[in-house]
Amino acid sequence: MAPASALAIRHVPFEDLGSFVPVLRQHGFLVAYRDAGTDDLGQRDLLDADLLIVLGGPIGVYEAKAYPFLKSEIAVIERRLKAGRPVLGLCLGAQLMAKALGARVFKGRRKELGWNPLELTEAGRASPLGKLGARTPVLHWHGDTFDLPRGAALLASTRLYVNQAFSWQRHGLALQCHIEVTAAGLERWFIGHAVEIAGTRGIDVATLRRQTRRLAPRLEAQGPEVLSAWLDILDF
């Protein structure tokens, strides 16, 4: 039997699958990336993959004129969700899922950048996100937000943004936050997002690195448990 396929759409090279890779392989997936902007996101393999993961990036869902590939990306997400094909969205990926489900995506009132816990809803505590435990800090790195799609279940909120995570039926999971990051991998984020960090009041690399060293080890253990629990629901 051929291994299951997991394709991840990557928008910048350093925002990758992080701690999720070992879990995907343990569940029998052959993991590969497709790079937005250079790879054709209208290819059939994105529709046929057993699992599609849409990663984060520093652009907005509403910037399709500047980044035309977003139209193809939204279309493939919409088609997969309608067909009952599993999709996992992280940060920009979650916003793209919201858009594909007909919800509005827009600029937030302020950036949410750094480590803070999620407040899980009752549905969230009963979902794979319950593996995070009580108030586990996760990484937030966004300035946009979205309305909750009609029919979606809200799983988590924060003080700044109500809509942080949602599930769509059995096969869609969207997380505005990052639970896939590792301490080592974030060193590349600190370089790649240097301009954004410098332009965000109250945030600097030294603070982010200090928070990461203290908080990332717990997330590196619990984030993969969330993914594993969701894959179990999907029978992978």
C-alpha atoms as a PDB file:
ATOM      1  CA  MET A   1       0.000   0.000   0.000  1.00  0.00           C
ATOM      2  CA  ALA A   2       1.317   3.434  -0.939  1.00  0.00           C
ATOM      3  CA  PRO A   3       1.968   5.827   1.956  1.00  0.00           C
ATOM      4  CA  ALA A   4      -0.543   8.569   2.626  1.00  0.00           C
ATOM      5  CA  SER A   5       0.434  11.961   1.194  1.00  0.00           C
ATOM      6  CA  ALA A   6       0.654  15.189   3.185  1.00  0.00           C
ATOM      7  CA  LEU A   7       1.273  18.324   1.145  1.00  0.00           C
ATOM      8  CA  ALA A   8       2.081  21.612   2.873  1.00  0.00           C
ATOM      9  CA  ILE A   9       1.739  24.964   1.132  1.00  0.00           C
ATOM     10  CA  ARG A  10       4.637  27.122   2.301  1.00  0.00           C
ATOM     11  CA  HIS A  11       4.630  30.901   1.815  1.00  0.00           C
ATOM     12  CA  VAL A  12       8.105  31.704   3.168  1.00  0.00           C
ATOM     13  CA  PRO A  13      10.863  29.078   3.530  1.00  0.00           C
ATOM     14  CA  PHE A  14      11.359  29.440   7.283  1.00  0.00           C
ATOM     15  CA  GLU A  15       7.693  29.024   8.254  1.00  0.00           C
ATOM     16  CA  ASP A  16       7.615  25.270   7.877  1.00  0.00           C
ATOM     17  CA  LEU A  17       6.006  22.248   9.537  1.00  0.00           C
ATOM     18  CA  GLY A  18       8.416  22.336  12.472  1.00  0.00           C
ATOM     19  CA  SER A  19       7.527  19.830  15.182  1.00  0.00           C
ATOM     20  CA  PHE A  20       4.729  18.345  13.067  1.00  0.00           C
ATOM     21  CA  VAL A  21       7.031  16.413  10.719  1.00  0.00           C
ATOM     22  CA  PRO A  22       7.809  13.462  13.044  1.00  0.00           C
ATOM     23  CA  VAL A  23       4.105  13.047  13.905  1.00  0.00           C
ATOM     24  CA  LEU A  24       3.096  13.025  10.253  1.00  0.00           C
ATOM     25  CA  ARG A  25       5.696  10.375   9.489  1.00  0.00           C
ATOM     26  CA  GLN A  26       4.613   8.292  12.488  1.00  0.00           C
ATOM     27  CA  HIS A  27       1.074   8.344  11.082  1.00  0.00           C
ATOM     28  CA  GLY A  28       2.359   7.019   7.774  1.00  0.00           C
ATOM     29  CA  PHE A  29       2.511  10.201   5.710  1.00  0.00           C
ATOM     30  CA  LEU A  30       4.976  11.015   2.994  1.00  0.00           C
ATOM     31  CA  VAL A  31       5.549  14.755   3.560  1.00  0.00           C
ATOM     32  CA  ALA A  32       6.240  17.291   0.810  1.00  0.00           C
ATOM     33  CA  TYR A  33       6.007  21.053   0.308  1.00  0.00           C
ATOM     34  CA  ARG A  34       4.587  23.250  -2.416  1.00  0.00           C
ATOM     35  CA  ASP A  35       5.934  26.806  -2.444  1.00  0.00           C
ATOM     36  CA  ALA A  36       3.456  29.612  -3.038  1.00  0.00           C
ATOM     37  CA  GLY A  37       4.650  32.069  -5.642  1.00  0.00           C
ATOM     38  CA  THR A  38       6.818  29.570  -7.520  1.00  0.00           C
ATOM     39  CA  ASP A  39       4.814  26.317  -7.636  1.00  0.00           C
ATOM     40  CA  ASP A  40       1.488  26.025  -9.439  1.00  0.00           C
ATOM     41  CA  LEU A  41      -1.140  25.839  -6.680  1.00  0.00           C
ATOM     42  CA  GLY A  42      -3.772  24.761  -9.182  1.00  0.00           C
ATOM     43  CA  GLN A  43      -2.178  21.356  -9.677  1.00  0.00           C
ATOM     44  CA  ARG A  44      -4.291  18.256  -9.139  1.00  0.00           C
ATOM     45  CA  ASP A  45      -1.964  16.862  -6.457  1.00  0.00           C
ATOM     46  CA  LEU A  46      -3.154  19.483  -3.967  1.00  0.00           C
ATOM     47  CA  LEU A  47      -6.717  18.243  -4.422  1.00  0.00           C
ATOM     48  CA  ASP A  48      -5.774  14.576  -4.348  1.00  0.00           C
ATOM     49  CA  ALA A  49      -3.411  14.639  -1.349  1.00  0.00           C
ATOM     50  CA  ASP A  50      -4.685  12.761   1.681  1.00  0.00           C
ATOM     51  CA  LEU A  51      -3.927  15.824   3.825  1.00  0.00           C
ATOM     52  CA  LEU A  52      -3.353  19.486   2.928  1.00  0.00           C
ATOM     53  CA  ILE A  53      -1.636  21.774   5.425  1.00  0.00           C
ATOM     54  CA  VAL A  54      -1.609  25.511   4.692  1.00  0.00           C
ATOM     55  CA  LEU A  55       1.156  27.310   6.555  1.00  0.00           C
ATOM     56  CA  GLY A  56       1.666  30.901   7.646  1.00  0.00           C
ATOM     57  CA  GLY A  57       3.142  33.906   5.898  1.00  0.00           C
ATOM     58  CA  PRO A  58       3.439  37.710   6.049  1.00  0.00           C
ATOM     59  CA  ILE A  59       0.769  38.592   3.466  1.00  0.00           C
ATOM     60  CA  GLY A  60      -2.960  39.204   3.689  1.00  0.00           C
ATOM     61  CA  VAL A  61      -5.767  37.098   2.243  1.00  0.00           C
ATOM     62  CA  TYR A  62      -7.169  40.317   0.723  1.00  0.00           C
ATOM     63  CA  GLU A  63      -3.973  41.011  -1.288  1.00  0.00           C
ATOM     64  CA  ALA A  64      -4.797  38.825  -4.291  1.00  0.00           C
ATOM     65  CA  LYS A  65      -3.986  41.637  -6.737  1.00  0.00           C
ATOM     66  CA  ALA A  66      -0.406  41.682  -5.500  1.00  0.00           C
ATOM     67  CA  TYR A  67      -0.233  37.911  -4.973  1.00  0.00           C
ATOM     68  CA  PRO A  68      -2.453  36.243  -7.619  1.00  0.00           C
ATOM     69  CA  PHE A  69      -1.642  32.724  -6.396  1.00  0.00           C
ATOM     70  CA  LEU A  70      -3.965  33.396  -3.453  1.00  0.00           C
ATOM     71  CA  LYS A  71      -6.950  32.865  -5.757  1.00  0.00           C
ATOM     72  CA  SER A  72      -5.795  29.355  -6.667  1.00  0.00           C
ATOM     73  CA  GLU A  73      -4.960  28.643  -3.037  1.00  0.00           C
ATOM     74  CA  ILE A  74      -8.401  29.661  -1.809  1.00  0.00           C
ATOM     75  CA  ALA A  75     -10.030  27.680  -4.607  1.00  0.00           C
ATOM     76  CA  VAL A  76      -8.216  24.445  -3.749  1.00  0.00           C
ATOM     77  CA  ILE A  77      -9.051  24.850  -0.053  1.00  0.00           C
ATOM     78  CA  GLU A  78     -12.705  25.462  -0.898  1.00  0.00           C
ATOM     79  CA  ARG A  79     -12.877  22.426  -3.161  1.00  0.00           C
ATOM     80  CA  ARG A  80     -11.235  20.168  -0.590  1.00  0.00           C
ATOM     81  CA  LEU A  81     -13.502  21.294   2.241  1.00  0.00           C
ATOM     82  CA  LYS A  82     -16.613  20.826   0.106  1.00  0.00           C
ATOM     83  CA  ALA A  83     -15.397  17.352  -0.848  1.00  0.00           C
ATOM     84  CA  GLY A  84     -14.686  16.326   2.750  1.00  0.00           C
ATOM     85  CA  ARG A  85     -10.908  16.240   2.217  1.00  0.00           C
ATOM     86  CA  PRO A  86      -8.811  17.111   5.307  1.00  0.00           C
ATOM     87  CA  VAL A  87      -7.333  20.607   5.543  1.00  0.00           C
ATOM     88  CA  LEU A  88      -5.278  22.057   8.396  1.00  0.00           C
ATOM     89  CA  GLY A  89      -4.601  25.807   8.365  1.00  0.00           C
ATOM     90  CA  LEU A  90      -2.065  27.654  10.495  1.00  0.00           C
ATOM     91  CA  CYS A  91      -2.146  31.467  10.831  1.00  0.00           C
ATOM     92  CA  LEU A  92      -2.433  32.683   7.203  1.00  0.00           C
ATOM     93  CA  GLY A  93      -3.645  29.169   6.448  1.00  0.00           C
ATOM     94  CA  ALA A  94      -6.497  29.572   8.930  1.00  0.00           C
ATOM     95  CA  GLN A  95      -7.422  32.925   7.396  1.00  0.00           C
ATOM     96  CA  LEU A  96      -7.454  31.351   3.931  1.00  0.00           C
ATOM     97  CA  MET A  97      -9.736  28.603   5.236  1.00  0.00           C
ATOM     98  CA  ALA A  98     -12.092  31.220   6.664  1.00  0.00           C
ATOM     99  CA  LYS A  99     -12.168  33.006   3.303  1.00  0.00           C
ATOM    100  CA  ALA A 100     -12.766  29.734   1.441  1.00  0.00           C
ATOM    101  CA  LEU A 101     -15.752  29.123   3.722  1.00  0.00           C
ATOM    102  CA  GLY A 102     -17.241  32.508   2.891  1.00  0.00           C
ATOM    103  CA  ALA A 103     -16.128  34.510   5.932  1.00  0.00           C
ATOM    104  CA  ARG A 104     -14.595  37.978   5.964  1.00  0.00           C
ATOM    105  CA  VAL A 105     -10.820  38.348   6.570  1.00  0.00           C
ATOM    106  CA  PHE A 106      -9.578  41.785   7.566  1.00  0.00           C
ATOM    107  CA  LYS A 107      -6.916  43.806   9.376  1.00  0.00           C
ATOM    108  CA  GLY A 108      -7.106  43.625  13.149  1.00  0.00           C
ATOM    109  CA  ARG A 109      -6.925  46.563  15.510  1.00  0.00           C
ATOM    110  CA  ARG A 110      -3.375  45.662  16.586  1.00  0.00           C
ATOM    111  CA  LYS A 111      -0.730  43.018  16.082  1.00  0.00           C
ATOM    112  CA  GLU A 112      -0.725  39.957  18.288  1.00  0.00           C
ATOM    113  CA  LEU A 113       2.928  38.969  18.348  1.00  0.00           C
ATOM    114  CA  GLY A 114       4.514  36.845  21.066  1.00  0.00           C
ATOM    115  CA  TRP A 115       3.680  34.061  23.496  1.00  0.00           C
ATOM    116  CA  ASN A 116       0.277  33.977  25.183  1.00  0.00           C
ATOM    117  CA  PRO A 117      -2.181  31.229  26.152  1.00  0.00           C
ATOM    118  CA  LEU A 118      -5.413  30.342  24.416  1.00  0.00           C
ATOM    119  CA  GLU A 119      -8.733  30.378  26.199  1.00  0.00           C
ATOM    120  CA  LEU A 120     -10.422  27.209  24.988  1.00  0.00           C
ATOM    121  CA  THR A 121     -14.177  27.085  24.536  1.00  0.00           C
ATOM    122  CA  GLU A 122     -16.149  24.059  25.688  1.00  0.00           C
ATOM    123  CA  ALA A 123     -15.890  22.722  22.144  1.00  0.00           C
ATOM    124  CA  GLY A 124     -12.166  23.475  22.168  1.00  0.00           C
ATOM    125  CA  ARG A 125     -11.572  21.542  25.370  1.00  0.00           C
ATOM    126  CA  ALA A 126     -13.347  18.548  23.840  1.00  0.00           C
ATOM    127  CA  SER A 127     -11.341  18.880  20.612  1.00  0.00           C
ATOM    128  CA  PRO A 128      -7.707  17.928  19.894  1.00  0.00           C
ATOM    129  CA  LEU A 129      -6.757  21.393  21.201  1.00  0.00           C
ATOM    130  CA  GLY A 130      -7.555  20.038  24.655  1.00  0.00           C
ATOM    131  CA  LYS A 131      -4.148  18.329  24.461  1.00  0.00           C
ATOM    132  CA  LEU A 132      -2.577  21.728  25.097  1.00  0.00           C
ATOM    133  CA  GLY A 133      -3.738  21.609  28.689  1.00  0.00           C
ATOM    134  CA  ALA A 134      -4.794  24.555  30.784  1.00  0.00           C
ATOM    135  CA  ARG A 135      -3.478  27.874  29.476  1.00  0.00           C
ATOM    136  CA  THR A 136      -0.439  26.537  27.624  1.00  0.00           C
ATOM    137  CA  PRO A 137       1.246  29.534  25.953  1.00  0.00           C
ATOM    138  CA  VAL A 138       1.357  29.346  22.161  1.00  0.00           C
ATOM    139  CA  LEU A 139       3.003  31.615  19.615  1.00  0.00           C
ATOM    140  CA  HIS A 140       0.917  34.371  18.041  1.00  0.00           C
ATOM    141  CA  TRP A 141       2.231  36.225  14.990  1.00  0.00           C
ATOM    142  CA  HIS A 142      -0.523  38.025  13.098  1.00  0.00           C
ATOM    143  CA  GLY A 143      -2.165  41.374  12.482  1.00  0.00           C
ATOM    144  CA  ASP A 144      -5.192  40.110  10.556  1.00  0.00           C
ATOM    145  CA  THR A 145      -8.276  38.331  11.806  1.00  0.00           C
ATOM    146  CA  PHE A 146     -11.500  36.826  10.435  1.00  0.00           C
ATOM    147  CA  ASP A 147     -15.167  36.340  11.131  1.00  0.00           C
ATOM    148  CA  LEU A 148     -16.147  32.860  12.217  1.00  0.00           C
ATOM    149  CA  PRO A 149     -17.439  30.983   9.142  1.00  0.00           C
ATOM    150  CA  ARG A 150     -21.100  29.994   9.247  1.00  0.00           C
ATOM    151  CA  GLY A 151     -21.379  26.449  10.562  1.00  0.00           C
ATOM    152  CA  ALA A 152     -17.892  26.410  12.100  1.00  0.00           C
ATOM    153  CA  ALA A 153     -17.279  25.607  15.772  1.00  0.00           C
ATOM    154  CA  LEU A 154     -15.233  28.179  17.693  1.00  0.00           C
ATOM    155  CA  LEU A 155     -12.486  26.395  19.623  1.00  0.00           C
ATOM    156  CA  ALA A 156     -10.356  29.157  21.157  1.00  0.00           C
ATOM    157  CA  SER A 157     -10.025  32.886  21.804  1.00  0.00           C
ATOM    158  CA  THR A 158      -7.565  35.352  23.312  1.00  0.00           C
ATOM    159  CA  ARG A 159      -8.038  38.726  24.963  1.00  0.00           C
ATOM    160  CA  LEU A 160      -7.205  40.527  21.715  1.00  0.00           C
ATOM    161  CA  TYR A 161      -9.018  38.318  19.213  1.00  0.00           C
ATOM    162  CA  VAL A 162     -12.092  36.180  19.742  1.00  0.00           C
ATOM    163  CA  ASN A 163     -11.686  33.983  16.680  1.00  0.00           C
ATOM    164  CA  GLN A 164      -8.428  32.108  17.198  1.00  0.00           C
ATOM    165  CA  ALA A 165      -9.319  28.574  16.166  1.00  0.00           C
ATOM    166  CA  PHE A 166     -12.237  26.760  14.602  1.00  0.00           C
ATOM    167  CA  SER A 167     -13.187  23.364  13.320  1.00  0.00           C
ATOM    168  CA  TRP A 168     -15.188  22.720  10.179  1.00  0.00           C
ATOM    169  CA  GLN A 169     -17.115  19.496  10.360  1.00  0.00           C
ATOM    170  CA  ARG A 170     -14.728  16.598  10.927  1.00  0.00           C
ATOM    171  CA  HIS A 171     -12.092  17.381   8.318  1.00  0.00           C
ATOM    172  CA  GLY A 172     -11.205  21.052   8.751  1.00  0.00           C
ATOM    173  CA  LEU A 173      -9.061  22.550  11.536  1.00  0.00           C
ATOM    174  CA  ALA A 174      -7.967  26.202  11.479  1.00  0.00           C
ATOM    175  CA  LEU A 175      -5.567  27.731  14.023  1.00  0.00           C
ATOM    176  CA  GLN A 176      -4.726  31.422  13.951  1.00  0.00           C
ATOM    177  CA  CYS A 177      -1.814  30.716  16.291  1.00  0.00           C
ATOM    178  CA  HIS A 178       1.320  28.628  15.765  1.00  0.00           C
ATOM    179  CA  ILE A 179       1.608  25.354  17.666  1.00  0.00           C
ATOM    180  CA  GLU A 180       4.066  23.796  15.209  1.00  0.00           C
ATOM    181  CA  VAL A 181       7.067  26.001  16.008  1.00  0.00           C
ATOM    182  CA  THR A 182      10.309  24.945  17.668  1.00  0.00           C
ATOM    183  CA  ALA A 183      12.848  27.044  19.556  1.00  0.00           C
ATOM    184  CA  ALA A 184      15.538  26.267  16.984  1.00  0.00           C
ATOM    185  CA  GLY A 185      13.285  27.038  14.046  1.00  0.00           C
ATOM    186  CA  LEU A 186      12.202  30.390  15.467  1.00  0.00           C
ATOM    187  CA  GLU A 187      15.742  31.693  15.198  1.00  0.00           C
ATOM    188  CA  ARG A 188      15.088  31.839  11.447  1.00  0.00           C
ATOM    189  CA  TRP A 189      11.836  33.731  12.067  1.00  0.00           C
ATOM    190  CA  PHE A 190      13.736  36.340  14.082  1.00  0.00           C
ATOM    191  CA  ILE A 191      15.884  36.996  11.009  1.00  0.00           C
ATOM    192  CA  GLY A 192      13.207  36.702   8.329  1.00  0.00           C
ATOM    193  CA  HIS A 193      10.712  38.882  10.213  1.00  0.00           C
ATOM    194  CA  ALA A 194      13.291  41.402  11.482  1.00  0.00           C
ATOM    195  CA  VAL A 195      11.530  44.404   9.902  1.00  0.00           C
ATOM    196  CA  GLU A 196       8.130  43.442  11.329  1.00  0.00           C
ATOM    197  CA  ILE A 197       9.586  42.878  14.790  1.00  0.00           C
ATOM    198  CA  ALA A 198      11.344  46.248  14.721  1.00  0.00           C
ATOM    199  CA  GLY A 199       8.093  47.953  13.693  1.00  0.00           C
ATOM    200  CA  THR A 200       5.961  46.410  16.438  1.00  0.00           C
ATOM    201  CA  ARG A 201       5.763  48.415  19.641  1.00  0.00           C
ATOM    202  CA  GLY A 202       6.767  46.562  22.788  1.00  0.00           C
ATOM    203  CA  ILE A 203       8.417  43.672  20.922  1.00  0.00           C
ATOM    204  CA  ASP A 204      12.094  42.976  20.245  1.00  0.00           C
ATOM    205  CA  VAL A 205      14.181  39.963  19.351  1.00  0.00           C
ATOM    206  CA  ALA A 206      15.760  39.666  22.789  1.00  0.00           C
ATOM    207  CA  THR A 207      12.332  39.479  24.453  1.00  0.00           C
ATOM    208  CA  LEU A 208      11.007  36.980  21.925  1.00  0.00           C
ATOM    209  CA  ARG A 209      14.108  34.794  22.301  1.00  0.00           C
ATOM    210  CA  ARG A 210      13.851  34.867  26.081  1.00  0.00           C
ATOM    211  CA  GLN A 211      10.164  33.894  25.964  1.00  0.00           C
ATOM    212  CA  THR A 212      10.892  31.185  23.404  1.00  0.00           C
ATOM    213  CA  ARG A 213      13.632  29.545  25.480  1.00  0.00           C
ATOM    214  CA  ARG A 214      11.276  29.390  28.459  1.00  0.00           C
ATOM    215  CA  LEU A 215       8.018  28.417  26.757  1.00  0.00           C
ATOM    216  CA  ALA A 216       8.815  26.558  23.540  1.00  0.00           C
ATOM    217  CA  PRO A 217       9.827  23.214  25.125  1.00  0.00           C
ATOM    218  CA  ARG A 218       6.331  22.678  26.513  1.00  0.00           C
ATOM    219  CA  LEU A 219       4.706  23.538  23.184  1.00  0.00           C
ATOM    220  CA  GLU A 220       7.167  21.320  21.297  1.00  0.00           C
ATOM    221  CA  ALA A 221       5.757  18.424  23.316  1.00  0.00           C
ATOM    222  CA  GLN A 222       2.074  19.345  23.285  1.00  0.00           C
ATOM    223  CA  GLY A 223       1.678  20.791  19.774  1.00  0.00           C
ATOM    224  CA  PRO A 224       2.417  17.450  18.110  1.00  0.00           C
ATOM    225  CA  GLU A 225      -0.088  15.784  20.470  1.00  0.00           C
ATOM    226  CA  VAL A 226      -2.795  18.093  19.093  1.00  0.00           C
ATOM    227  CA  LEU A 227      -1.947  17.085  15.542  1.00  0.00           C
ATOM    228  CA  SER A 228      -1.797  13.400  16.455  1.00  0.00           C
ATOM    229  CA  ALA A 229      -5.218  13.547  18.129  1.00  0.00           C
ATOM    230  CA  TRP A 230      -6.730  15.214  15.043  1.00  0.00           C
ATOM    231  CA  LEU A 231      -5.175  12.635  12.727  1.00  0.00           C
ATOM    232  CA  ASP A 232      -6.669   9.915  14.919  1.00  0.00           C
ATOM    233  CA  ILE A 233     -10.108  11.472  14.395  1.00  0.00           C
ATOM    234  CA  LEU A 234      -9.476  11.311  10.671  1.00  0.00           C
ATOM    235  CA  ASP A 235      -8.464   7.642  10.997  1.00  0.00           C
ATOM    236  CA  PHE A 236      -4.883   8.161   9.824  1.00  0.00           C
END
